[in-house]
Amino acid sequence: WLCTAVGDSYRKGIDGHSEDYAVALSYYD
């Protein structure tokens, strides 16, 4: 659940993270 939450924050560019689809995907995987 937390891996997915971090991925979501990178995908959306929120919670202090810059938008980065590749990084988001690594957390989803």
All heavy atoms as atom14 arrays in JSON, in Angstrom:
{
  "sequence": "WLCTAVGDSYRKGIDGHSEDYAVALSYYD",
  "atom14_mask": [
    [1, 1, 1, 1, 1, 1, 1, 1, 1, 1, 1, 1, 1, 1],
    [1, 1, 1, 1, 1, 1, 1, 1, 0, 0, 0, 0, 0, 0],
    [1, 1, 1, 1, 1, 1, 0, 0, 0, 0, 0, 0, 0, 0],
    [1, 1, 1, 1, 1, 1, 1, 0, 0, 0, 0, 0, 0, 0],
    [1, 1, 1, 1, 1, 0, 0, 0, 0, 0, 0, 0, 0, 0],
    [1, 1, 1, 1, 1, 1, 1, 0, 0, 0, 0, 0, 0, 0],
    [1, 1, 1, 1, 0, 0, 0, 0, 0, 0, 0, 0, 0, 0],
    [1, 1, 1, 1, 1, 1, 1, 1, 0, 0, 0, 0, 0, 0],
    [1, 1, 1, 1, 1, 1, 0, 0, 0, 0, 0, 0, 0, 0],
    [1, 1, 1, 1, 1, 1, 1, 1, 1, 1, 1, 1, 0, 0],
    [1, 1, 1, 1, 1, 1, 1, 1, 1, 1, 1, 0, 0, 0],
    [1, 1, 1, 1, 1, 1, 1, 1, 1, 0, 0, 0, 0, 0],
    [1, 1, 1, 1, 0, 0, 0, 0, 0, 0, 0, 0, 0, 0],
    [1, 1, 1, 1, 1, 1, 1, 1, 0, 0, 0, 0, 0, 0],
    [1, 1, 1, 1, 1, 1, 1, 1, 0, 0, 0, 0, 0, 0],
    [1, 1, 1, 1, 0, 0, 0, 0, 0, 0, 0, 0, 0, 0],
    [1, 1, 1, 1, 1, 1, 1, 1, 1, 1, 0, 0, 0, 0],
    [1, 1, 1, 1, 1, 1, 0, 0, 0, 0, 0, 0, 0, 0],
    [1, 1, 1, 1, 1, 1, 1, 1, 1, 0, 0, 0, 0, 0],
    [1, 1, 1, 1, 1, 1, 1, 1, 0, 0, 0, 0, 0, 0],
    [1, 1, 1, 1, 1, 1, 1, 1, 1, 1, 1, 1, 0, 0],
    [1, 1, 1, 1, 1, 0, 0, 0, 0, 0, 0, 0, 0, 0],
    [1, 1, 1, 1, 1, 1, 1, 0, 0, 0, 0, 0, 0, 0],
    [1, 1, 1, 1, 1, 0, 0, 0, 0, 0, 0, 0, 0, 0],
    [1, 1, 1, 1, 1, 1, 1, 1, 0, 0, 0, 0, 0, 0],
    [1, 1, 1, 1, 1, 1, 0, 0, 0, 0, 0, 0, 0, 0],
    [1, 1, 1, 1, 1, 1, 1, 1, 1, 1, 1, 1, 0, 0],
    [1, 1, 1, 1, 1, 1, 1, 1, 1, 1, 1, 1, 0, 0],
    [1, 1, 1, 1, 1, 1, 1, 1, 0, 0, 0, 0, 0, 0]
  ],
  "atom14_positions": [
    [[0.83, -1.2, 0.0], [0.0, 0.0, 0.0], [0.87, 1.25, 0.0], [0.59, 2.21, -0.73], [-0.93, -0.01, 1.21], [-1.94, 1.1, 1.17], [-3.18, 1.06, 0.59], [-1.79, 2.42, 1.69], [-3.81, 2.29, 0.73], [-2.97, 3.14, 1.4], [-0.76, 3.07, 2.39], [-3.16, 4.46, 1.79], [-0.93, 4.39, 2.77], [-2.13, 5.07, 2.46]],
    [[1.92, 1.25, 0.81], [2.8, 2.42, 0.88], [3.6, 2.59, -0.41], [3.83, 3.71, -0.87], [3.72, 2.32, 2.09], [3.05, 2.55, 3.44], [4.02, 2.31, 4.58], [2.46, 3.95, 3.54], [0.0, 0.0, 0.0], [0.0, 0.0, 0.0], [0.0, 0.0, 0.0], [0.0, 0.0, 0.0], [0.0, 0.0, 0.0], [0.0, 0.0, 0.0]],
    [[4.03, 1.47, -1.03], [4.7, 1.57, -2.32], [3.8, 2.27, -3.34], [4.23, 3.15, -4.11], [5.08, 0.19, -2.84], [6.37, -0.66, -1.92], [0.0, 0.0, 0.0], [0.0, 0.0, 0.0], [0.0, 0.0, 0.0], [0.0, 0.0, 0.0], [0.0, 0.0, 0.0], [0.0, 0.0, 0.0], [0.0, 0.0, 0.0], [0.0, 0.0, 0.0]],
    [[2.53, 1.87, -3.34], [1.58, 2.47, -4.28], [1.34, 3.93, -3.96], [1.22, 4.76, -4.86], [0.26, 1.68, -4.25], [0.53, 0.32, -4.57], [-0.73, 2.23, -5.27], [0.0, 0.0, 0.0], [0.0, 0.0, 0.0], [0.0, 0.0, 0.0], [0.0, 0.0, 0.0], [0.0, 0.0, 0.0], [0.0, 0.0, 0.0], [0.0, 0.0, 0.0]],
    [[1.28, 4.27, -2.67], [1.08, 5.66, -2.27], [2.24, 6.54, -2.75], [2.02, 7.66, -3.24], [0.93, 5.76, -0.76], [0.0, 0.0, 0.0], [0.0, 0.0, 0.0], [0.0, 0.0, 0.0], [0.0, 0.0, 0.0], [0.0, 0.0, 0.0], [0.0, 0.0, 0.0], [0.0, 0.0, 0.0], [0.0, 0.0, 0.0], [0.0, 0.0, 0.0]],
    [[3.47, 6.05, -2.61], [4.63, 6.81, -3.08], [4.56, 6.94, -4.61], [4.8, 8.02, -5.16], [5.95, 6.14, -2.66], [7.13, 6.93, -3.23], [6.05, 6.07, -1.14], [0.0, 0.0, 0.0], [0.0, 0.0, 0.0], [0.0, 0.0, 0.0], [0.0, 0.0, 0.0], [0.0, 0.0, 0.0], [0.0, 0.0, 0.0], [0.0, 0.0, 0.0]],
    [[4.2, 5.85, -5.28], [4.06, 5.92, -6.74], [3.04, 6.95, -7.16], [3.27, 7.72, -8.1], [0.0, 0.0, 0.0], [0.0, 0.0, 0.0], [0.0, 0.0, 0.0], [0.0, 0.0, 0.0], [0.0, 0.0, 0.0], [0.0, 0.0, 0.0], [0.0, 0.0, 0.0], [0.0, 0.0, 0.0], [0.0, 0.0, 0.0], [0.0, 0.0, 0.0]],
    [[1.91, 6.99, -6.46], [0.87, 7.98, -6.79], [1.39, 9.4, -6.62], [1.06, 10.3, -7.42], [-0.35, 7.78, -5.89], [-1.18, 6.57, -6.28], [-0.99, 6.03, -7.39], [-2.03, 6.15, -5.46], [0.0, 0.0, 0.0], [0.0, 0.0, 0.0], [0.0, 0.0, 0.0], [0.0, 0.0, 0.0], [0.0, 0.0, 0.0], [0.0, 0.0, 0.0]],
    [[2.19, 9.63, -5.58], [2.68, 10.99, -5.34], [3.64, 11.43, -6.44], [3.65, 12.6, -6.84], [3.37, 11.08, -3.96], [4.57, 10.34, -3.93], [0.0, 0.0, 0.0], [0.0, 0.0, 0.0], [0.0, 0.0, 0.0], [0.0, 0.0, 0.0], [0.0, 0.0, 0.0], [0.0, 0.0, 0.0], [0.0, 0.0, 0.0], [0.0, 0.0, 0.0]],
    [[4.44, 10.49, -6.98], [5.32, 10.83, -8.1], [4.52, 11.0, -9.39], [4.82, 11.89, -10.2], [6.39, 9.76, -8.28], [7.6, 9.95, -7.4], [7.8, 9.14, -6.28], [8.54, 10.94, -7.67], [8.91, 9.3, -5.46], [9.64, 11.12, -6.85], [9.83, 10.3, -5.75], [10.92, 10.49, -4.94], [0.0, 0.0, 0.0], [0.0, 0.0, 0.0]],
    [[3.52, 10.17, -9.59], [2.71, 10.28, -10.81], [1.97, 11.61, -10.87], [1.86, 12.24, -11.92], [1.73, 9.11, -10.9], [0.81, 9.16, -12.12], [-0.03, 7.9, -12.23], [-0.88, 7.7, -11.07], [-2.07, 8.28, -10.89], [-2.53, 9.13, -11.79], [-2.79, 8.02, -9.81], [0.0, 0.0, 0.0], [0.0, 0.0, 0.0], [0.0, 0.0, 0.0]],
    [[1.48, 12.05, -9.71], [0.69, 13.29, -9.65], [1.54, 14.52, -9.37], [1.06, 15.65, -9.51], [-0.38, 13.17, -8.56], [-1.38, 12.05, -8.81], [-2.32, 11.9, -7.61], [-3.28, 10.75, -7.8], [-4.16, 10.57, -6.61], [0.0, 0.0, 0.0], [0.0, 0.0, 0.0], [0.0, 0.0, 0.0], [0.0, 0.0, 0.0], [0.0, 0.0, 0.0]],
    [[2.8, 14.32, -8.96], [3.65, 15.45, -8.61], [3.17, 16.16, -7.37], [3.07, 17.39, -7.34], [0.0, 0.0, 0.0], [0.0, 0.0, 0.0], [0.0, 0.0, 0.0], [0.0, 0.0, 0.0], [0.0, 0.0, 0.0], [0.0, 0.0, 0.0], [0.0, 0.0, 0.0], [0.0, 0.0, 0.0], [0.0, 0.0, 0.0], [0.0, 0.0, 0.0]],
    [[2.87, 15.39, -6.31], [2.35, 15.97, -5.06], [3.21, 15.51, -3.88], [4.15, 14.74, -4.05], [0.88, 15.56, -4.81], [0.74, 14.04, -4.73], [-0.01, 16.12, -5.92], [-0.66, 13.57, -4.34], [0.0, 0.0, 0.0], [0.0, 0.0, 0.0], [0.0, 0.0, 0.0], [0.0, 0.0, 0.0], [0.0, 0.0, 0.0], [0.0, 0.0, 0.0]],
    [[2.87, 16.02, -2.7], [3.54, 15.63, -1.46], [5.04, 15.87, -1.51], [5.83, 15.08, -0.97], [3.26, 14.15, -1.12], [1.79, 13.9, -0.8], [1.09, 14.87, -0.46], [1.35, 12.74, -0.91], [0.0, 0.0, 0.0], [0.0, 0.0, 0.0], [0.0, 0.0, 0.0], [0.0, 0.0, 0.0], [0.0, 0.0, 0.0], [0.0, 0.0, 0.0]],
    [[5.44, 16.94, -2.15], [6.85, 17.29, -2.2], [7.65, 16.58, -3.27], [8.87, 16.76, -3.36], [0.0, 0.0, 0.0], [0.0, 0.0, 0.0], [0.0, 0.0, 0.0], [0.0, 0.0, 0.0], [0.0, 0.0, 0.0], [0.0, 0.0, 0.0], [0.0, 0.0, 0.0], [0.0, 0.0, 0.0], [0.0, 0.0, 0.0], [0.0, 0.0, 0.0]],
    [[7.0, 15.78, -4.11], [7.69, 15.06, -5.18], [7.41, 15.71, -6.52], [6.3, 16.18, -6.78], [7.22, 13.6, -5.24], [7.52, 12.81, -4.01], [8.8, 12.61, -3.54], [6.7, 12.18, -3.13], [8.77, 11.89, -2.44], [7.5, 11.61, -2.17], [0.0, 0.0, 0.0], [0.0, 0.0, 0.0], [0.0, 0.0, 0.0], [0.0, 0.0, 0.0]],
    [[8.42, 15.73, -7.37], [8.23, 16.2, -8.74], [7.56, 15.1, -9.56], [7.78, 13.91, -9.31], [9.58, 16.56, -9.38], [10.21, 17.59, -8.66], [0.0, 0.0, 0.0], [0.0, 0.0, 0.0], [0.0, 0.0, 0.0], [0.0, 0.0, 0.0], [0.0, 0.0, 0.0], [0.0, 0.0, 0.0], [0.0, 0.0, 0.0], [0.0, 0.0, 0.0]],
    [[6.75, 15.49, -10.53], [6.09, 14.5, -11.38], [7.13, 13.69, -12.14], [8.0, 14.23, -12.81], [5.17, 15.21, -12.36], [4.38, 14.27, -13.25], [3.5, 15.03, -14.23], [2.45, 15.56, -13.82], [3.87, 15.1, -15.43], [0.0, 0.0, 0.0], [0.0, 0.0, 0.0], [0.0, 0.0, 0.0], [0.0, 0.0, 0.0], [0.0, 0.0, 0.0]],
    [[7.04, 12.38, -12.0], [8.0, 11.5, -12.66], [7.32, 10.15, -12.88], [7.23, 9.33, -11.95], [9.26, 11.35, -11.82], [10.4, 10.67, -12.57], [10.13, 9.74, -13.35], [11.56, 11.08, -12.38], [0.0, 0.0, 0.0], [0.0, 0.0, 0.0], [0.0, 0.0, 0.0], [0.0, 0.0, 0.0], [0.0, 0.0, 0.0], [0.0, 0.0, 0.0]],
    [[6.86, 9.91, -14.1], [6.13, 8.68, -14.39], [7.01, 7.43, -14.25], [6.54, 6.37, -13.82], [5.54, 8.72, -15.8], [4.37, 9.66, -15.95], [4.27, 10.5, -17.05], [3.35, 9.69, -15.01], [3.19, 11.36, -17.21], [2.26, 10.55, -15.16], [2.19, 11.38, -16.26], [1.13, 12.22, -16.4], [0.0, 0.0, 0.0], [0.0, 0.0, 0.0]],
    [[8.26, 7.56, -14.63], [9.15, 6.4, -14.56], [9.39, 5.97, -13.11], [9.37, 4.78, -12.79], [10.48, 6.71, -15.25], [0.0, 0.0, 0.0], [0.0, 0.0, 0.0], [0.0, 0.0, 0.0], [0.0, 0.0, 0.0], [0.0, 0.0, 0.0], [0.0, 0.0, 0.0], [0.0, 0.0, 0.0], [0.0, 0.0, 0.0], [0.0, 0.0, 0.0]],
    [[9.61, 6.94, -12.24], [9.8, 6.62, -10.83], [8.5, 6.05, -10.25], [8.52, 5.08, -9.49], [10.24, 7.87, -10.04], [10.26, 7.57, -8.54], [11.63, 8.31, -10.5], [0.0, 0.0, 0.0], [0.0, 0.0, 0.0], [0.0, 0.0, 0.0], [0.0, 0.0, 0.0], [0.0, 0.0, 0.0], [0.0, 0.0, 0.0], [0.0, 0.0, 0.0]],
    [[7.38, 6.66, -10.62], [6.08, 6.15, -10.15], [5.91, 4.69, -10.53], [5.5, 3.85, -9.71], [4.95, 6.99, -10.73], [0.0, 0.0, 0.0], [0.0, 0.0, 0.0], [0.0, 0.0, 0.0], [0.0, 0.0, 0.0], [0.0, 0.0, 0.0], [0.0, 0.0, 0.0], [0.0, 0.0, 0.0], [0.0, 0.0, 0.0], [0.0, 0.0, 0.0]],
    [[6.26, 4.37, -11.76], [6.09, 3.0, -12.25], [6.97, 2.03, -11.46], [6.56, 0.89, -11.19], [6.42, 2.93, -13.74], [6.29, 1.55, -14.39], [4.89, 0.98, -14.2], [6.63, 1.64, -15.88], [0.0, 0.0, 0.0], [0.0, 0.0, 0.0], [0.0, 0.0, 0.0], [0.0, 0.0, 0.0], [0.0, 0.0, 0.0], [0.0, 0.0, 0.0]],
    [[8.16, 2.46, -11.08], [9.04, 1.57, -10.32], [8.4, 1.19, -8.98], [8.55, 0.06, -8.5], [10.41, 2.21, -10.1], [10.34, 3.3, -9.19], [0.0, 0.0, 0.0], [0.0, 0.0, 0.0], [0.0, 0.0, 0.0], [0.0, 0.0, 0.0], [0.0, 0.0, 0.0], [0.0, 0.0, 0.0], [0.0, 0.0, 0.0], [0.0, 0.0, 0.0]],
    [[7.69, 2.14, -8.37], [7.0, 1.84, -7.11], [5.78, 0.95, -7.35], [5.5, 0.05, -6.54], [6.59, 3.13, -6.4], [7.73, 3.81, -5.7], [8.43, 4.86, -6.29], [8.14, 3.39, -4.42], [9.49, 5.47, -5.65], [9.2, 4.0, -3.77], [9.87, 5.04, -4.39], [10.91, 5.64, -3.74], [0.0, 0.0, 0.0], [0.0, 0.0, 0.0]],
    [[5.06, 1.18, -8.43], [3.93, 0.31, -8.75], [4.4, -1.12, -9.0], [3.76, -2.08, -8.56], [3.19, 0.83, -9.98], [2.52, 2.17, -9.8], [2.34, 3.04, -10.89], [2.06, 2.59, -8.56], [1.72, 4.26, -10.74], [1.44, 3.82, -8.4], [1.27, 4.66, -9.5], [0.65, 5.87, -9.35], [0.0, 0.0, 0.0], [0.0, 0.0, 0.0]],
    [[5.51, -1.25, -9.7], [6.03, -2.58, -9.99], [6.49, -3.28, -8.71], [6.33, -4.5, -8.57], [7.18, -2.5, -10.99], [6.7, -2.23, -12.41], [5.49, -2.35, -12.67], [7.55, -1.91, -13.27], [0.0, 0.0, 0.0], [0.0, 0.0, 0.0], [0.0, 0.0, 0.0], [0.0, 0.0, 0.0], [0.0, 0.0, 0.0], [0.0, 0.0, 0.0]]
  ]
}
